[in-house]
């Protein structure tokens, strides 16, 4: 993930807040992931990436996250 200044005007254009009220924890977490992926895909598309490039990059990143997940090392608060 790349670091950008917090005051970047692009944050308002590409970050969608997921509503917290009225959702169980599973639905809330899935909704956050869904919105985050859509926001990332919008940004990638706007930067000129094709749908196939976006798909490959997202799958590569998700695969890396899953491959590096080690539940026994996660704290109970995570």
N, C-alpha and C. Protein backbone atom coordinates (compact mmCIF):
# COMPACT_ATOMS: atom_id res chain seq x y z
N UNK A 1 0.84 -1.17 0.00
CA UNK A 1 0.00 0.00 0.00
C UNK A 1 0.89 1.23 0.00
N UNK A 2 0.49 2.23 -0.75
CA UNK A 2 1.30 3.44 -0.81
C UNK A 2 0.76 4.48 0.16
N UNK A 3 1.69 5.26 0.68
CA UNK A 3 1.33 6.31 1.63
C UNK A 3 1.07 7.62 0.88
N UNK A 4 0.01 8.32 1.23
CA UNK A 4 -0.26 9.64 0.69
C UNK A 4 -0.66 10.54 1.84
N UNK A 5 -0.48 11.83 1.68
CA UNK A 5 -0.85 12.74 2.77
C UNK A 5 -2.33 12.61 3.11
N UNK A 6 -2.66 12.74 4.40
CA UNK A 6 -4.05 12.62 4.86
C UNK A 6 -4.94 13.73 4.33
N UNK A 7 -4.36 14.85 3.93
CA UNK A 7 -5.16 15.96 3.45
C UNK A 7 -5.38 15.92 1.94
N UNK A 8 -5.11 14.79 1.33
CA UNK A 8 -5.27 14.65 -0.11
C UNK A 8 -6.73 14.87 -0.52
N UNK A 9 -6.97 15.73 -1.52
CA UNK A 9 -8.35 15.95 -1.96
C UNK A 9 -8.99 14.71 -2.59
N UNK A 10 -8.17 13.75 -3.00
CA UNK A 10 -8.70 12.52 -3.59
C UNK A 10 -9.41 11.64 -2.58
N UNK A 11 -9.10 11.81 -1.30
CA UNK A 11 -9.77 10.97 -0.29
C UNK A 11 -11.28 11.13 -0.37
N UNK A 12 -11.76 12.35 -0.49
CA UNK A 12 -13.21 12.57 -0.56
C UNK A 12 -13.81 11.99 -1.83
N UNK A 13 -13.03 11.93 -2.91
CA UNK A 13 -13.53 11.40 -4.16
C UNK A 13 -13.60 9.88 -4.18
N UNK A 14 -12.71 9.23 -3.45
CA UNK A 14 -12.58 7.78 -3.59
C UNK A 14 -12.79 6.97 -2.33
N UNK A 15 -13.16 7.59 -1.21
CA UNK A 15 -13.38 6.83 0.02
C UNK A 15 -14.84 6.95 0.44
N UNK A 16 -15.53 5.81 0.40
CA UNK A 16 -16.94 5.75 0.77
C UNK A 16 -17.04 5.20 2.18
N UNK A 17 -17.71 5.91 3.07
CA UNK A 17 -17.92 5.41 4.43
C UNK A 17 -19.07 4.42 4.44
N UNK A 18 -18.87 3.32 5.14
CA UNK A 18 -19.93 2.33 5.28
C UNK A 18 -20.72 2.67 6.53
N UNK A 19 -22.05 2.71 6.44
CA UNK A 19 -22.86 3.04 7.61
C UNK A 19 -22.72 2.00 8.71
N UNK A 20 -22.63 2.45 9.96
CA UNK A 20 -22.40 1.54 11.08
C UNK A 20 -23.70 1.04 11.71
N UNK A 21 -24.75 1.76 11.58
CA UNK A 21 -26.00 1.42 12.27
C UNK A 21 -26.81 0.38 11.48
N UNK A 22 -27.44 -0.52 12.20
CA UNK A 22 -28.38 -1.46 11.59
C UNK A 22 -27.76 -2.69 10.97
N UNK A 23 -26.49 -2.95 11.22
CA UNK A 23 -25.83 -4.12 10.64
C UNK A 23 -25.20 -4.96 11.74
N UNK A 24 -25.29 -6.28 11.59
CA UNK A 24 -24.55 -7.18 12.48
C UNK A 24 -23.07 -7.09 12.13
N UNK A 25 -22.21 -7.63 12.98
CA UNK A 25 -20.77 -7.51 12.78
C UNK A 25 -20.31 -8.14 11.47
N UNK A 26 -20.85 -9.29 11.10
CA UNK A 26 -20.43 -9.95 9.85
C UNK A 26 -20.83 -9.09 8.65
N UNK A 27 -22.08 -8.61 8.63
CA UNK A 27 -22.53 -7.77 7.53
C UNK A 27 -21.74 -6.46 7.47
N UNK A 28 -21.45 -5.90 8.63
CA UNK A 28 -20.68 -4.66 8.70
C UNK A 28 -19.28 -4.86 8.11
N UNK A 29 -18.59 -5.92 8.52
CA UNK A 29 -17.24 -6.18 8.02
C UNK A 29 -17.24 -6.47 6.52
N UNK A 30 -18.21 -7.27 6.05
CA UNK A 30 -18.31 -7.56 4.62
C UNK A 30 -18.62 -6.30 3.83
N UNK A 31 -19.46 -5.44 4.37
CA UNK A 31 -19.79 -4.17 3.71
C UNK A 31 -18.59 -3.26 3.59
N UNK A 32 -17.78 -3.20 4.64
CA UNK A 32 -16.56 -2.38 4.59
C UNK A 32 -15.62 -2.88 3.51
N UNK A 33 -15.45 -4.21 3.42
CA UNK A 33 -14.58 -4.79 2.39
C UNK A 33 -15.13 -4.46 1.00
N UNK A 34 -16.42 -4.64 0.84
CA UNK A 34 -17.08 -4.37 -0.45
C UNK A 34 -16.87 -2.92 -0.87
N UNK A 35 -17.15 -1.98 0.04
CA UNK A 35 -16.98 -0.56 -0.28
C UNK A 35 -15.52 -0.24 -0.57
N UNK A 36 -14.59 -0.82 0.20
CA UNK A 36 -13.17 -0.56 -0.01
C UNK A 36 -12.72 -1.04 -1.38
N UNK A 37 -13.18 -2.23 -1.78
CA UNK A 37 -12.82 -2.74 -3.10
C UNK A 37 -13.41 -1.87 -4.21
N UNK A 38 -14.66 -1.47 -4.07
CA UNK A 38 -15.26 -0.61 -5.08
C UNK A 38 -14.53 0.73 -5.18
N UNK A 39 -14.17 1.31 -4.03
CA UNK A 39 -13.44 2.57 -4.03
C UNK A 39 -12.09 2.40 -4.72
N UNK A 40 -11.39 1.30 -4.41
CA UNK A 40 -10.09 1.07 -5.03
C UNK A 40 -10.23 0.86 -6.53
N UNK A 41 -11.24 0.12 -6.96
CA UNK A 41 -11.45 -0.13 -8.39
C UNK A 41 -11.79 1.16 -9.13
N UNK A 42 -12.58 2.04 -8.50
CA UNK A 42 -12.89 3.34 -9.13
C UNK A 42 -11.62 4.15 -9.34
N UNK A 43 -10.76 4.18 -8.32
CA UNK A 43 -9.51 4.92 -8.42
C UNK A 43 -8.60 4.33 -9.50
N UNK A 44 -8.51 3.01 -9.52
CA UNK A 44 -7.66 2.34 -10.51
C UNK A 44 -8.18 2.60 -11.92
N UNK A 45 -9.49 2.56 -12.10
CA UNK A 45 -10.09 2.85 -13.39
C UNK A 45 -9.82 4.28 -13.81
N UNK A 46 -9.98 5.19 -12.87
CA UNK A 46 -9.76 6.62 -13.14
C UNK A 46 -8.30 6.87 -13.52
N UNK A 47 -7.38 6.05 -12.99
CA UNK A 47 -5.96 6.23 -13.30
C UNK A 47 -5.58 5.58 -14.63
N UNK A 48 -6.55 4.96 -15.30
CA UNK A 48 -6.30 4.45 -16.64
C UNK A 48 -6.12 2.95 -16.75
N UNK A 49 -6.28 2.23 -15.67
CA UNK A 49 -6.12 0.77 -15.73
C UNK A 49 -7.35 0.15 -16.39
N UNK A 50 -7.11 -0.92 -17.14
CA UNK A 50 -8.22 -1.64 -17.76
C UNK A 50 -8.90 -2.53 -16.72
N UNK A 51 -10.08 -3.01 -17.05
CA UNK A 51 -10.80 -3.88 -16.13
C UNK A 51 -9.99 -5.15 -15.84
N UNK A 52 -9.31 -5.68 -16.84
CA UNK A 52 -8.49 -6.88 -16.65
C UNK A 52 -7.30 -6.59 -15.73
N UNK A 53 -6.65 -5.44 -15.91
CA UNK A 53 -5.53 -5.06 -15.04
C UNK A 53 -6.00 -4.89 -13.60
N UNK A 54 -7.15 -4.26 -13.43
CA UNK A 54 -7.73 -4.06 -12.10
C UNK A 54 -7.99 -5.41 -11.45
N UNK A 55 -8.62 -6.31 -12.18
CA UNK A 55 -8.95 -7.64 -11.67
C UNK A 55 -7.68 -8.37 -11.23
N UNK A 56 -6.65 -8.36 -12.07
CA UNK A 56 -5.41 -9.05 -11.76
C UNK A 56 -4.74 -8.46 -10.52
N UNK A 57 -4.72 -7.14 -10.40
CA UNK A 57 -4.07 -6.48 -9.26
C UNK A 57 -4.83 -6.75 -7.96
N UNK A 58 -6.16 -6.67 -8.01
CA UNK A 58 -6.98 -6.93 -6.82
C UNK A 58 -6.80 -8.38 -6.36
N UNK A 59 -6.87 -9.32 -7.29
CA UNK A 59 -6.71 -10.73 -6.94
C UNK A 59 -5.32 -10.99 -6.38
N UNK A 60 -4.30 -10.37 -6.97
CA UNK A 60 -2.93 -10.53 -6.47
C UNK A 60 -2.82 -10.03 -5.03
N UNK A 61 -3.40 -8.86 -4.76
CA UNK A 61 -3.33 -8.28 -3.41
C UNK A 61 -4.11 -9.10 -2.39
N UNK A 62 -5.29 -9.57 -2.76
CA UNK A 62 -6.10 -10.37 -1.84
C UNK A 62 -5.41 -11.71 -1.57
N UNK A 63 -4.83 -12.30 -2.59
CA UNK A 63 -4.11 -13.56 -2.42
C UNK A 63 -2.94 -13.37 -1.46
N UNK A 64 -2.23 -12.26 -1.59
CA UNK A 64 -1.10 -11.97 -0.71
C UNK A 64 -1.57 -11.83 0.75
N UNK A 65 -2.69 -11.14 0.95
CA UNK A 65 -3.24 -10.96 2.30
C UNK A 65 -3.61 -12.32 2.90
N UNK A 66 -4.30 -13.15 2.12
CA UNK A 66 -4.72 -14.47 2.61
C UNK A 66 -3.51 -15.35 2.88
N UNK A 67 -2.53 -15.34 1.98
CA UNK A 67 -1.34 -16.17 2.16
C UNK A 67 -0.54 -15.77 3.38
N UNK A 68 -0.56 -14.50 3.75
CA UNK A 68 0.21 -14.02 4.89
C UNK A 68 -0.57 -14.05 6.20
N UNK A 69 -1.84 -14.43 6.15
CA UNK A 69 -2.66 -14.48 7.37
C UNK A 69 -2.28 -15.69 8.20
N UNK A 70 -1.93 -15.44 9.45
CA UNK A 70 -1.60 -16.50 10.38
C UNK A 70 -2.44 -16.30 11.64
N UNK A 71 -3.60 -16.98 11.73
CA UNK A 71 -4.53 -16.75 12.83
C UNK A 71 -3.93 -16.91 14.22
N UNK A 72 -3.03 -17.85 14.41
CA UNK A 72 -2.45 -18.07 15.73
C UNK A 72 -1.62 -16.89 16.20
N UNK A 73 -1.16 -16.04 15.30
CA UNK A 73 -0.36 -14.88 15.67
C UNK A 73 -1.21 -13.64 15.90
N UNK A 74 -2.48 -13.69 15.52
CA UNK A 74 -3.37 -12.55 15.67
C UNK A 74 -3.78 -12.41 17.13
N UNK A 75 -3.83 -11.19 17.60
CA UNK A 75 -4.30 -10.96 18.97
C UNK A 75 -5.81 -11.07 19.02
N UNK A 76 -6.36 -11.27 20.20
CA UNK A 76 -7.80 -11.42 20.35
C UNK A 76 -8.56 -10.15 20.03
N UNK A 77 -7.89 -8.99 20.11
CA UNK A 77 -8.56 -7.73 19.83
C UNK A 77 -8.53 -7.37 18.35
N UNK A 78 -7.82 -8.13 17.51
CA UNK A 78 -7.71 -7.83 16.08
C UNK A 78 -8.83 -8.45 15.31
